[in-house]
Amino acid sequence: MEFSTATNGETTCTENGFRLHSSYNPSKEAERFCNTAECSFYPRYVLVTEPALSYCVPFLKKKFRNAILCCIRFSKEFESTNSRWNKIFYAYGKSQKTNPLLEEQIFNFMGDEGISACLFLSWKPSENPFKELYEFSWEAIKKAVLKSRSVLATRTFFSKRWTKNALRFSMFCKKTALIKNGTSDIVVCASGPSLKSDIPFLKKYRKRFFLIAVSSALSPLIYNGITPDLCISTDGGYWAKLHLVSLCNSKKIPLALPGEASCFASILESTDIIPLFYGDGCSEEILKSSGYSGHSAFRNGSASGTAAYFALSITSGKIFYCGLDLSFSKGLSHTQPNELEKRNSVFDNRICTSETRNFSSEINTASINIYRTWFSSNDFFGRIFRLSDNFNYDSKLGKIQDVDWNFFEKQTFDFKNKTKPQIIETQNIFNKEQRINFLRDIVIKNISNPEWIKNALPAEAISLERCKDLCEKEKIEKRIQEGMKIFFCDIIKTLGRCIAI
């Protein structure tokens, strides 16, 4: 790369004979670039692929005053201008030609709502001299956009259900608990096939660790005579609560649960519940207004992901994951017994066999890939390990080290000198009738609350935020008003009936 002085005195440069800036007036060229960057919505973010010496920044700031400015770097030569941007992403990796985590880094920074309101631009002069990185970056952008659409679609489909789950939580939860932090090591059990070979070792070393079971791992642990210290469930879908059936007969196992998660009313009434708060959403307001307190947690697409930061927050020790395969096997994708498998197998027959059913689920690997990428893109302060009996995993998990039980035995030799996290029962200060009255008041008060609208109708809320056209804006507002009326009427009916669904 060659740097030189342009006619107007500014620095310009070329890469392999390609000019990355004007040799006459780089700032004027950047201004024209920004003037031609049309946007049909109000962008929350603006992302530019390799803007070189960043002459476009002041003009982008002037045109999109409220936007967060980001760029993707193709070359280290321009890092001296990084401070002009709010956020820098890198298309290249430290030990690889390309950064495999770029898609995940964009999504983690902007989120599904931010990507939906992002203006993506390319600094044209950088496209040919950095062709490979240019194509790679836009493929990563495409994947991040598709992922954001998928997440937003999921939120749109489940959002009303999540709020109703929070209302049911507040109606039926009788006993709650908090956790006093400890210093011992924690084992978190997911339900991947590798968990089966860990069962004998979990029994052998059971006194050495605090055991958290992800809901899908609850059945195989209890079946094998292993009682977790805590179960965690986060999914708001109807089928997810089937994993918790074992708690109906094992009421001594506390359950960590966010308000939006799905759970049987009978379990809410009879089990010690540890409320989890993500720090956003109307579900949290519902729980707190009903007198509940709980633990901060990290929202994630999988219960295993939420369990990672939750486990880190309740101990100073190490975290060991069992059953965290994050890949589909040729057979069953979960250690048995599994509640969903038990129910689905009832409908297997000579024409629709279990092999056919399991193969069809194996084809849909999108969500597994997302979870694996998320775990691989975080280092968790070097405190999380994947533990197995020398299981041959399909893929690594970034900085999460794969270890065996010999490693575990050496790391936990001093377990007697450590304290396990303690479950401390608490009592809600309001009775059920009081909570229902509070909930009615909350619902009526928040019918036009923007935060509630965003939770109940996320797609419409984002469309309204982006919209520039006044006529279209009125149409969206009308759809929101009608949608919220239906939503709140449905909630009031549920509160009136007090139905345990």
Protein backbone atom coordinates (compact mmCIF):
# COMPACT_ATOMS: atom_id res chain seq x y z
CA MET A 1 0.00 0.00 0.00
CA GLU A 2 1.32 3.41 -0.98
CA PHE A 3 0.42 6.68 0.73
CA SER A 4 0.85 10.08 -0.92
CA THR A 5 -0.41 13.66 -0.70
CA ALA A 6 -3.46 14.71 -2.73
CA THR A 7 -3.66 18.05 -4.54
CA ASN A 8 -5.63 19.64 -1.70
CA GLY A 9 -3.00 18.54 0.84
CA GLU A 10 -4.87 15.59 2.33
CA THR A 11 -3.42 12.07 2.52
CA THR A 12 -4.49 9.63 -0.19
CA CYS A 13 -3.44 6.04 -0.96
CA THR A 14 -3.43 3.18 -3.46
CA GLU A 15 -3.45 -0.61 -3.01
CA ASN A 16 -1.98 -2.75 -5.81
CA GLY A 17 -2.51 0.08 -8.26
CA PHE A 18 -6.13 0.74 -7.19
CA ARG A 19 -6.88 4.22 -5.84
CA LEU A 20 -8.74 4.08 -2.52
CA HIS A 21 -9.21 7.87 -2.43
CA SER A 22 -9.20 10.73 -4.90
CA SER A 23 -5.76 12.08 -5.82
CA TYR A 24 -7.27 15.59 -6.00
CA ASN A 25 -9.75 16.04 -3.09
CA PRO A 26 -10.52 12.96 -0.92
CA SER A 27 -12.96 14.86 1.33
CA LYS A 28 -15.04 16.06 -1.60
CA GLU A 29 -15.18 12.51 -2.95
CA ALA A 30 -16.36 11.29 0.49
CA GLU A 31 -19.01 14.01 0.63
CA ARG A 32 -20.41 12.93 -2.75
CA PHE A 33 -20.45 9.33 -1.52
CA CYS A 34 -22.54 10.31 1.51
CA ASN A 35 -24.88 12.52 -0.54
CA THR A 36 -25.74 9.57 -2.79
CA ALA A 37 -26.37 7.24 0.18
CA GLU A 38 -30.15 7.28 0.13
CA CYS A 39 -32.10 5.66 2.94
CA SER A 40 -35.87 5.09 2.94
CA PHE A 41 -35.97 4.78 6.76
CA TYR A 42 -34.41 6.33 9.86
CA PRO A 43 -31.26 4.23 10.45
CA ARG A 44 -30.21 3.34 13.98
CA TYR A 45 -26.85 2.11 12.63
CA VAL A 46 -24.76 2.81 9.54
CA LEU A 47 -22.15 0.21 8.60
CA VAL A 48 -19.54 0.86 5.89
CA THR A 49 -17.22 -1.82 4.52
CA GLU A 50 -13.58 -0.65 4.47
CA PRO A 51 -13.86 3.15 4.29
CA ALA A 52 -10.02 3.35 4.14
CA LEU A 53 -8.89 6.69 5.65
CA SER A 54 -12.44 7.41 6.89
CA TYR A 55 -13.02 10.75 5.14
CA CYS A 56 -16.73 9.88 4.98
CA VAL A 57 -17.27 9.97 8.76
CA PRO A 58 -18.07 13.70 9.28
CA PHE A 59 -20.49 13.67 6.34
CA LEU A 60 -22.23 10.52 7.59
CA LYS A 61 -22.56 12.11 11.04
CA LYS A 62 -24.12 15.21 9.50
CA LYS A 63 -26.58 13.26 7.36
CA PHE A 64 -27.52 10.57 9.91
CA ARG A 65 -27.26 12.49 13.17
CA ASN A 66 -28.75 9.83 15.46
CA ALA A 67 -27.07 6.79 13.89
CA ILE A 68 -24.22 4.77 15.40
CA LEU A 69 -21.42 4.62 12.82
CA CYS A 70 -19.66 1.28 12.25
CA CYS A 71 -17.16 -0.03 9.74
CA ILE A 72 -15.61 -3.32 8.70
CA ARG A 73 -11.84 -3.21 8.22
CA PHE A 74 -10.09 -5.09 5.40
CA SER A 75 -6.60 -3.77 6.22
CA LYS A 76 -4.54 -2.89 9.30
CA GLU A 77 -3.09 0.10 7.43
CA PHE A 78 -6.11 2.25 8.34
CA GLU A 79 -6.37 1.52 12.06
CA SER A 80 -5.06 4.99 12.88
CA THR A 81 -8.50 6.38 11.93
CA ASN A 82 -10.49 3.86 13.99
CA SER A 83 -11.28 6.41 16.69
CA ARG A 84 -13.56 8.26 14.29
CA TRP A 85 -16.01 5.35 14.35
CA ASN A 86 -18.34 4.18 17.11
CA LYS A 87 -17.59 0.53 16.39
CA ILE A 88 -14.97 -1.36 14.37
CA PHE A 89 -15.35 -4.89 13.00
CA TYR A 90 -12.54 -6.83 11.33
CA ALA A 91 -12.98 -9.00 8.24
CA TYR A 92 -9.58 -10.60 8.83
CA GLY A 93 -8.61 -12.84 11.76
CA LYS A 94 -5.45 -13.03 13.84
CA SER A 95 -4.41 -16.45 12.57
CA GLN A 96 -6.75 -16.77 9.58
CA LYS A 97 -7.32 -14.89 6.35
CA THR A 98 -10.91 -14.19 7.35
CA ASN A 99 -12.63 -13.66 10.68
CA PRO A 100 -15.06 -16.60 11.14
CA LEU A 101 -16.91 -14.77 13.93
CA LEU A 102 -17.74 -11.61 11.94
CA GLU A 103 -21.41 -12.51 11.47
CA GLU A 104 -21.83 -13.24 15.18
CA GLN A 105 -19.97 -10.06 16.20
CA ILE A 106 -22.25 -7.89 14.05
CA PHE A 107 -25.35 -9.57 15.45
CA ASN A 108 -24.17 -9.40 19.07
CA PHE A 109 -23.46 -5.68 18.77
CA MET A 110 -26.61 -4.58 16.92
CA GLY A 111 -29.13 -7.27 17.84
CA ASP A 112 -32.10 -8.20 15.70
CA GLU A 113 -33.74 -4.77 16.06
CA GLY A 114 -30.52 -2.90 15.27
CA ILE A 115 -29.78 -4.91 12.14
CA SER A 116 -33.36 -4.31 10.97
CA ALA A 117 -32.66 -0.58 11.27
CA CYS A 118 -29.12 -0.58 9.82
CA LEU A 119 -28.01 1.07 6.57
CA PHE A 120 -25.24 -1.01 4.93
CA LEU A 121 -22.85 0.81 2.60
CA SER A 122 -19.74 -0.17 0.64
CA TRP A 123 -16.81 2.16 -0.02
CA LYS A 124 -16.57 1.24 -3.71
CA PRO A 125 -12.80 1.84 -4.22
CA SER A 126 -12.08 -0.91 -1.66
CA GLU A 127 -14.04 -3.62 -3.44
CA ASN A 128 -11.50 -4.65 -6.12
CA PRO A 129 -8.19 -4.45 -4.24
CA PHE A 130 -9.68 -6.43 -1.31
CA LYS A 131 -12.03 -8.60 -3.34
CA GLU A 132 -11.85 -11.72 -1.15
CA LEU A 133 -12.46 -9.84 2.10
CA TYR A 134 -15.15 -7.70 0.45
CA GLU A 135 -17.11 -10.77 -0.67
CA PHE A 136 -16.60 -12.48 2.67
CA SER A 137 -17.83 -9.41 4.59
CA TRP A 138 -21.01 -9.06 2.60
CA GLU A 139 -21.73 -12.74 2.98
CA ALA A 140 -21.35 -12.29 6.76
CA ILE A 141 -23.66 -9.27 6.61
CA LYS A 142 -26.21 -11.31 4.69
CA LYS A 143 -26.10 -14.08 7.29
CA ALA A 144 -26.49 -11.57 10.13
CA VAL A 145 -29.51 -10.01 8.39
CA LEU A 146 -31.13 -13.42 7.83
CA LYS A 147 -30.48 -14.33 11.46
CA SER A 148 -32.05 -11.06 12.63
CA ARG A 149 -35.13 -11.77 10.52
CA SER A 150 -35.39 -15.25 12.01
CA VAL A 151 -35.07 -13.94 15.57
CA LEU A 152 -37.59 -11.15 14.90
CA ALA A 153 -40.02 -13.68 13.40
CA THR A 154 -39.64 -15.82 16.52
CA ARG A 155 -40.24 -12.81 18.76
CA THR A 156 -43.30 -11.81 16.73
CA PHE A 157 -44.71 -15.34 16.98
CA PHE A 158 -44.02 -15.85 20.69
CA SER A 159 -44.09 -12.30 22.10
CA LYS A 160 -47.70 -12.34 23.27
CA ARG A 161 -47.20 -15.80 24.72
CA TRP A 162 -44.15 -14.60 26.67
CA THR A 163 -46.16 -11.82 28.31
CA LYS A 164 -48.95 -14.25 29.19
CA ASN A 165 -46.36 -16.60 30.68
CA ALA A 166 -45.18 -13.76 32.92
CA LEU A 167 -48.76 -13.11 34.01
CA ARG A 168 -49.23 -16.81 34.82
CA PHE A 169 -45.95 -16.79 36.73
CA SER A 170 -47.24 -13.93 38.87
CA MET A 171 -50.63 -15.58 39.40
CA PHE A 172 -49.47 -19.04 40.46
CA CYS A 173 -45.92 -18.82 41.87
CA LYS A 174 -46.12 -19.26 45.64
CA LYS A 175 -42.56 -19.96 46.83
CA THR A 176 -39.48 -18.16 45.54
CA ALA A 177 -35.80 -18.41 46.40
CA LEU A 178 -32.52 -16.56 45.97
CA ILE A 179 -28.98 -17.90 45.69
CA LYS A 180 -26.12 -17.04 48.02
CA ASN A 181 -22.92 -17.14 45.97
CA GLY A 182 -20.29 -19.79 46.60
CA THR A 183 -16.73 -20.66 45.62
CA SER A 184 -17.13 -24.27 44.47
CA ASP A 185 -16.98 -25.54 40.90
CA ILE A 186 -20.25 -25.96 39.00
CA VAL A 187 -21.25 -28.66 36.53
CA VAL A 188 -23.94 -27.71 34.02
CA CYS A 189 -25.62 -30.63 32.26
CA ALA A 190 -27.10 -30.21 28.79
CA SER A 191 -28.73 -33.19 27.08
CA GLY A 192 -26.43 -33.98 24.13
CA PRO A 193 -25.55 -37.66 23.46
CA SER A 194 -22.19 -37.28 25.24
CA LEU A 195 -24.02 -36.88 28.56
CA LYS A 196 -24.73 -40.64 28.67
CA SER A 197 -21.06 -41.55 29.14
CA ASP A 198 -20.72 -38.88 31.88
CA ILE A 199 -23.37 -40.41 34.15
CA PRO A 200 -20.99 -42.76 36.09
CA PHE A 201 -18.54 -39.90 36.69
CA LEU A 202 -21.28 -37.50 37.79
CA LYS A 203 -22.24 -40.08 40.42
CA LYS A 204 -18.62 -40.72 41.45
CA TYR A 205 -17.71 -37.05 41.98
CA ARG A 206 -21.17 -35.77 42.98
CA LYS A 207 -19.98 -34.25 46.28
CA ARG A 208 -17.40 -32.09 44.53
CA PHE A 209 -19.69 -29.71 42.63
CA PHE A 210 -22.94 -27.77 42.50
CA LEU A 211 -25.06 -29.34 39.73
CA ILE A 212 -27.26 -27.29 37.37
CA ALA A 213 -29.48 -29.21 34.95
CA VAL A 214 -30.74 -27.58 31.77
CA SER A 215 -34.42 -28.60 31.58
CA SER A 216 -33.89 -31.13 28.76
CA ALA A 217 -31.23 -32.92 30.88
CA LEU A 218 -33.48 -33.24 33.90
CA SER A 219 -35.12 -36.58 32.95
CA PRO A 220 -31.92 -38.54 32.21
CA LEU A 221 -30.28 -37.29 35.42
CA ILE A 222 -33.23 -38.20 37.65
CA TYR A 223 -33.67 -41.52 35.84
CA ASN A 224 -30.07 -42.38 36.74
CA GLY A 225 -30.49 -41.40 40.38
CA ILE A 226 -28.72 -38.02 40.15
CA THR A 227 -30.52 -35.09 41.79
CA PRO A 228 -29.50 -31.64 40.50
CA ASP A 229 -29.10 -28.76 42.92
CA LEU A 230 -30.96 -26.56 40.46
CA CYS A 231 -32.83 -26.80 37.17
CA ILE A 232 -32.93 -23.94 34.66
CA SER A 233 -35.51 -23.42 31.91
CA THR A 234 -35.88 -20.39 29.64
CA ASP A 235 -37.98 -21.37 26.61
CA GLY A 236 -41.38 -19.68 26.28
CA GLY A 237 -42.88 -22.28 23.92
CA TYR A 238 -45.57 -24.73 25.02
CA TRP A 239 -43.53 -27.87 24.31
CA ALA A 240 -40.56 -26.66 26.37
CA LYS A 241 -42.42 -27.10 29.66
CA LEU A 242 -42.79 -30.83 29.01
CA HIS A 243 -39.11 -31.18 29.99
CA LEU A 244 -40.15 -30.06 33.49
CA VAL A 245 -42.59 -32.94 34.08
CA SER A 246 -40.03 -34.64 36.33
CA LEU A 247 -40.32 -31.72 38.77
CA CYS A 248 -43.92 -32.76 39.51
CA ASN A 249 -42.52 -35.75 41.41
CA SER A 250 -39.25 -34.12 42.52
CA LYS A 251 -40.42 -30.99 44.26
CA LYS A 252 -37.14 -30.54 46.16
CA ILE A 253 -35.29 -29.34 43.03
CA PRO A 254 -35.46 -25.52 42.73
CA LEU A 255 -36.21 -24.09 39.30
CA ALA A 256 -34.54 -20.96 37.85
CA LEU A 257 -37.05 -19.38 35.50
CA PRO A 258 -37.52 -16.04 33.71
CA GLY A 259 -41.07 -14.69 33.71
CA GLU A 260 -41.49 -15.28 29.99
CA ALA A 261 -40.65 -19.03 30.19
CA SER A 262 -43.35 -21.69 29.89
CA CYS A 263 -44.12 -23.72 33.00
CA PHE A 264 -46.98 -25.79 34.41
CA ALA A 265 -49.08 -23.97 37.01
CA SER A 266 -48.78 -26.96 39.36
CA ILE A 267 -44.98 -26.64 39.32
CA LEU A 268 -45.15 -22.88 39.90
CA GLU A 269 -47.36 -23.54 42.93
CA SER A 270 -45.30 -26.32 44.50
CA THR A 271 -41.63 -25.68 43.57
CA ASP A 272 -39.11 -23.15 44.84
CA ILE A 273 -38.76 -20.74 41.90
CA ILE A 274 -35.70 -18.52 41.39
CA PRO A 275 -36.89 -15.65 39.15
CA LEU A 276 -34.44 -14.60 36.43
CA PHE A 277 -34.41 -11.02 35.15
CA TYR A 278 -32.96 -10.15 31.74
CA GLY A 279 -33.09 -6.40 32.30
CA ASP A 280 -35.63 -5.70 29.58
CA GLY A 281 -39.19 -6.35 28.53
CA CYS A 282 -42.58 -6.04 30.16
CA SER A 283 -42.27 -9.53 31.69
CA GLU A 284 -39.82 -8.11 34.18
CA GLU A 285 -42.12 -5.24 35.12
CA ILE A 286 -44.95 -7.72 35.68
CA LEU A 287 -42.88 -9.83 38.08
CA LYS A 288 -41.42 -6.91 40.03
CA SER A 289 -44.81 -5.21 40.33
CA SER A 290 -46.13 -8.46 41.82
CA GLY A 291 -43.48 -8.35 44.55
CA TYR A 292 -40.91 -10.80 43.16
CA SER A 293 -37.15 -10.34 43.37
CA GLY A 294 -34.57 -12.49 41.63
CA HIS A 295 -31.22 -12.83 39.86
CA SER A 296 -29.90 -11.01 36.81
CA ALA A 297 -29.46 -13.25 33.76
CA PHE A 298 -28.30 -13.08 30.15
CA ARG A 299 -30.92 -13.57 27.45
CA ASN A 300 -29.91 -16.28 24.97
CA GLY A 301 -31.57 -18.47 22.36
CA SER A 302 -30.77 -21.59 24.39
CA ALA A 303 -31.11 -22.44 28.06
CA SER A 304 -27.48 -23.62 27.98
CA GLY A 305 -26.37 -20.14 26.90
CA THR A 306 -28.30 -18.42 29.68
CA ALA A 307 -26.97 -21.01 32.14
CA ALA A 308 -23.36 -20.10 31.23
CA TYR A 309 -23.39 -16.53 32.54
CA PHE A 310 -25.80 -17.44 35.34
CA ALA A 311 -23.38 -20.10 36.62
CA LEU A 312 -20.47 -17.67 36.37
CA SER A 313 -22.43 -15.15 38.44
CA ILE A 314 -23.09 -17.46 41.42
CA THR A 315 -19.59 -18.82 42.01
CA SER A 316 -15.94 -17.83 41.76
CA GLY A 317 -15.06 -21.38 40.74
CA LYS A 318 -14.85 -23.06 37.34
CA ILE A 319 -17.81 -24.11 35.20
CA PHE A 320 -17.81 -27.55 33.53
CA TYR A 321 -20.36 -28.40 30.83
CA CYS A 322 -21.48 -31.98 30.18
CA GLY A 323 -23.63 -32.91 27.18
CA LEU A 324 -22.86 -29.69 25.32
CA ASP A 325 -22.45 -31.41 21.93
CA LEU A 326 -24.13 -28.69 19.81
CA SER A 327 -24.38 -31.04 16.81
CA PHE A 328 -26.83 -33.63 15.56
CA SER A 329 -25.89 -37.29 15.84
CA LYS A 330 -26.98 -40.01 13.43
CA GLY A 331 -29.20 -41.44 16.14
CA LEU A 332 -31.12 -39.59 18.83
CA SER A 333 -29.86 -36.05 19.38
CA HIS A 334 -30.54 -36.15 23.15
CA THR A 335 -29.53 -38.47 25.95
CA GLN A 336 -32.50 -40.66 26.89
CA PRO A 337 -34.97 -40.61 28.49
CA ASN A 338 -36.20 -37.39 26.91
CA GLU A 339 -39.73 -36.14 27.52
CA LEU A 340 -40.32 -34.93 23.95
CA GLU A 341 -38.94 -38.17 22.49
CA LYS A 342 -41.21 -40.22 24.75
CA ARG A 343 -44.29 -38.33 23.59
CA ASN A 344 -43.32 -38.22 19.92
CA SER A 345 -42.49 -41.93 19.82
CA VAL A 346 -46.14 -42.78 20.62
CA PHE A 347 -47.04 -41.76 17.04
CA ASP A 348 -44.29 -43.79 15.34
CA ASN A 349 -45.53 -46.58 13.09
CA ARG A 350 -44.49 -48.77 10.19
CA ILE A 351 -44.85 -45.92 7.67
CA CYS A 352 -43.66 -43.01 9.80
CA THR A 353 -40.80 -44.57 11.74
CA SER A 354 -38.63 -43.09 14.48
CA GLU A 355 -35.68 -43.11 12.04
CA THR A 356 -37.63 -40.96 9.57
CA ARG A 357 -38.64 -38.56 12.32
CA ASN A 358 -35.13 -38.20 13.72
CA PHE A 359 -33.61 -37.77 10.25
CA SER A 360 -36.01 -34.92 9.43
CA SER A 361 -35.01 -33.12 12.63
CA GLU A 362 -31.34 -33.66 11.79
CA ILE A 363 -31.74 -31.72 8.53
CA ASN A 364 -32.75 -28.56 10.41
CA THR A 365 -29.36 -27.60 11.85
CA ALA A 366 -29.76 -23.79 11.68
CA SER A 367 -30.46 -23.22 15.39
CA ILE A 368 -27.72 -25.63 16.47
CA ASN A 369 -25.23 -23.76 14.27
CA ILE A 370 -26.30 -20.45 15.84
CA TYR A 371 -25.80 -21.79 19.39
CA ARG A 372 -22.42 -23.33 18.51
CA THR A 373 -21.25 -20.05 16.95
CA TRP A 374 -22.34 -18.14 20.05
CA PHE A 375 -20.40 -20.40 22.44
CA SER A 376 -17.38 -20.31 20.08
CA SER A 377 -17.35 -16.50 19.93
CA ASN A 378 -17.06 -16.04 23.72
CA ASP A 379 -14.15 -16.92 25.99
CA PHE A 380 -16.11 -16.66 29.30
CA PHE A 381 -13.00 -15.35 31.07
CA GLY A 382 -11.33 -18.75 30.67
CA ARG A 383 -13.57 -20.24 33.38
CA ILE A 384 -15.77 -22.54 31.27
CA PHE A 385 -14.73 -26.01 30.08
CA ARG A 386 -16.48 -28.75 28.12
CA LEU A 387 -16.23 -31.97 30.12
CA SER A 388 -16.65 -35.51 28.81
CA ASP A 389 -15.30 -39.05 28.95
CA ASN A 390 -13.01 -38.34 25.94
CA PHE A 391 -16.04 -37.92 23.67
CA ASN A 392 -15.24 -37.29 19.99
CA TYR A 393 -17.08 -34.01 19.30
CA ASP A 394 -17.84 -32.89 15.73
CA SER A 395 -16.50 -29.38 16.35
CA LYS A 396 -14.58 -27.26 18.83
CA LEU A 397 -16.09 -24.39 20.80
CA GLY A 398 -13.56 -21.62 20.27
CA LYS A 399 -11.71 -20.81 23.50
CA ILE A 400 -13.76 -23.29 25.56
CA GLN A 401 -11.29 -26.08 26.31
CA ASP A 402 -12.35 -29.75 25.98
CA VAL A 403 -11.27 -31.67 29.10
CA ASP A 404 -11.76 -35.17 30.54
CA TRP A 405 -12.61 -36.43 34.01
CA ASN A 406 -8.95 -36.86 34.95
CA PHE A 407 -8.55 -33.11 34.44
CA PHE A 408 -11.71 -32.54 36.50
CA GLU A 409 -10.43 -34.72 39.35
CA LYS A 410 -7.16 -32.76 39.56
CA GLN A 411 -8.91 -29.37 39.34
CA THR A 412 -11.40 -30.18 42.12
CA PHE A 413 -9.12 -31.98 44.61
CA ASP A 414 -9.63 -29.18 47.17
CA PHE A 415 -13.45 -29.23 46.97
CA LYS A 416 -13.76 -29.59 50.77
CA ASN A 417 -12.30 -26.11 51.20
CA LYS A 418 -14.92 -24.54 48.93
CA THR A 419 -18.53 -23.58 49.59
CA LYS A 420 -21.37 -24.43 47.21
CA PRO A 421 -23.95 -21.80 46.25
CA GLN A 422 -26.85 -21.92 48.70
CA ILE A 423 -30.57 -21.80 47.89
CA ILE A 424 -32.34 -19.46 50.32
CA GLU A 425 -36.15 -19.54 50.36
CA THR A 426 -38.03 -16.24 50.33
CA GLN A 427 -41.69 -15.41 50.79
CA ASN A 428 -43.74 -13.15 48.52
CA ILE A 429 -45.28 -10.29 50.50
CA PHE A 430 -48.50 -10.32 48.42
CA ASN A 431 -51.14 -13.04 48.33
CA LYS A 432 -52.63 -14.34 45.08
CA GLU A 433 -55.69 -12.08 45.07
CA GLN A 434 -53.51 -9.01 45.62
CA ARG A 435 -51.21 -10.04 42.78
CA ILE A 436 -54.13 -10.47 40.38
CA ASN A 437 -55.41 -6.99 41.24
CA PHE A 438 -51.93 -5.55 40.66
CA LEU A 439 -51.73 -7.33 37.31
CA ARG A 440 -55.06 -5.88 36.14
CA ASP A 441 -53.85 -2.38 37.03
CA ILE A 442 -50.52 -2.96 35.26
CA VAL A 443 -52.25 -4.18 32.10
CA ILE A 444 -54.66 -1.23 31.94
CA LYS A 445 -51.89 1.30 32.65
CA ASN A 446 -49.58 0.00 29.92
CA ILE A 447 -51.90 -0.39 26.95
CA SER A 448 -50.06 2.41 25.11
CA ASN A 449 -46.62 1.95 26.71
CA PRO A 450 -43.97 1.81 23.90
CA GLU A 451 -42.04 -0.88 25.77
CA TRP A 452 -45.13 -3.10 25.96
CA ILE A 453 -45.92 -2.45 22.29
CA LYS A 454 -42.37 -3.49 21.39
CA ASN A 455 -42.85 -6.71 23.37
CA ALA A 456 -46.31 -7.55 22.09
CA LEU A 457 -45.90 -6.37 18.49
CA PRO A 458 -42.13 -6.19 17.80
CA ALA A 459 -42.34 -6.14 13.98
CA GLU A 460 -44.85 -3.28 13.97
CA ALA A 461 -42.84 -1.35 16.59
CA ILE A 462 -39.68 -1.56 14.47
CA SER A 463 -41.59 -0.61 11.32
CA LEU A 464 -42.97 2.47 13.10
CA GLU A 465 -39.52 3.50 14.32
CA ARG A 466 -38.03 3.19 10.82
CA CYS A 467 -40.91 4.79 8.90
CA LYS A 468 -40.49 8.15 7.17
CA ASP A 469 -43.72 8.24 5.17
CA LEU A 470 -46.55 9.91 7.14
CA CYS A 471 -49.36 7.97 5.46
CA GLU A 472 -47.64 4.65 6.07
CA LYS A 473 -46.90 5.72 9.64
CA GLU A 474 -50.62 6.28 10.30
CA LYS A 475 -51.42 2.81 8.95
CA ILE A 476 -48.83 1.20 11.22
CA GLU A 477 -50.11 3.13 14.25
CA LYS A 478 -53.64 1.95 13.49
CA ARG A 479 -52.47 -1.68 13.26
CA ILE A 480 -50.68 -1.28 16.60
CA GLN A 481 -53.77 0.16 18.30
CA GLU A 482 -55.96 -2.68 17.05
CA GLY A 483 -53.36 -5.32 17.93
CA MET A 484 -52.88 -3.99 21.46
CA LYS A 485 -56.64 -3.86 22.11
CA ILE A 486 -56.98 -7.53 21.15
CA PHE A 487 -53.89 -8.43 23.18
CA PHE A 488 -55.02 -6.70 26.36
CA CYS A 489 -58.62 -7.95 26.12
CA ASP A 490 -57.23 -11.47 25.92
CA ILE A 491 -55.04 -10.86 28.99
CA ILE A 492 -57.89 -9.37 31.07
CA LYS A 493 -60.06 -12.40 30.26
CA THR A 494 -57.28 -14.73 31.41
CA LEU A 495 -56.81 -12.79 34.65
CA GLY A 496 -60.56 -12.82 35.25
CA ARG A 497 -60.79 -16.59 34.83
CA CYS A 498 -57.47 -17.30 36.63
CA ILE A 499 -57.09 -20.38 34.44
CA ALA A 500 -54.12 -22.66 35.07
CA ILE A 501 -53.06 -23.34 31.47
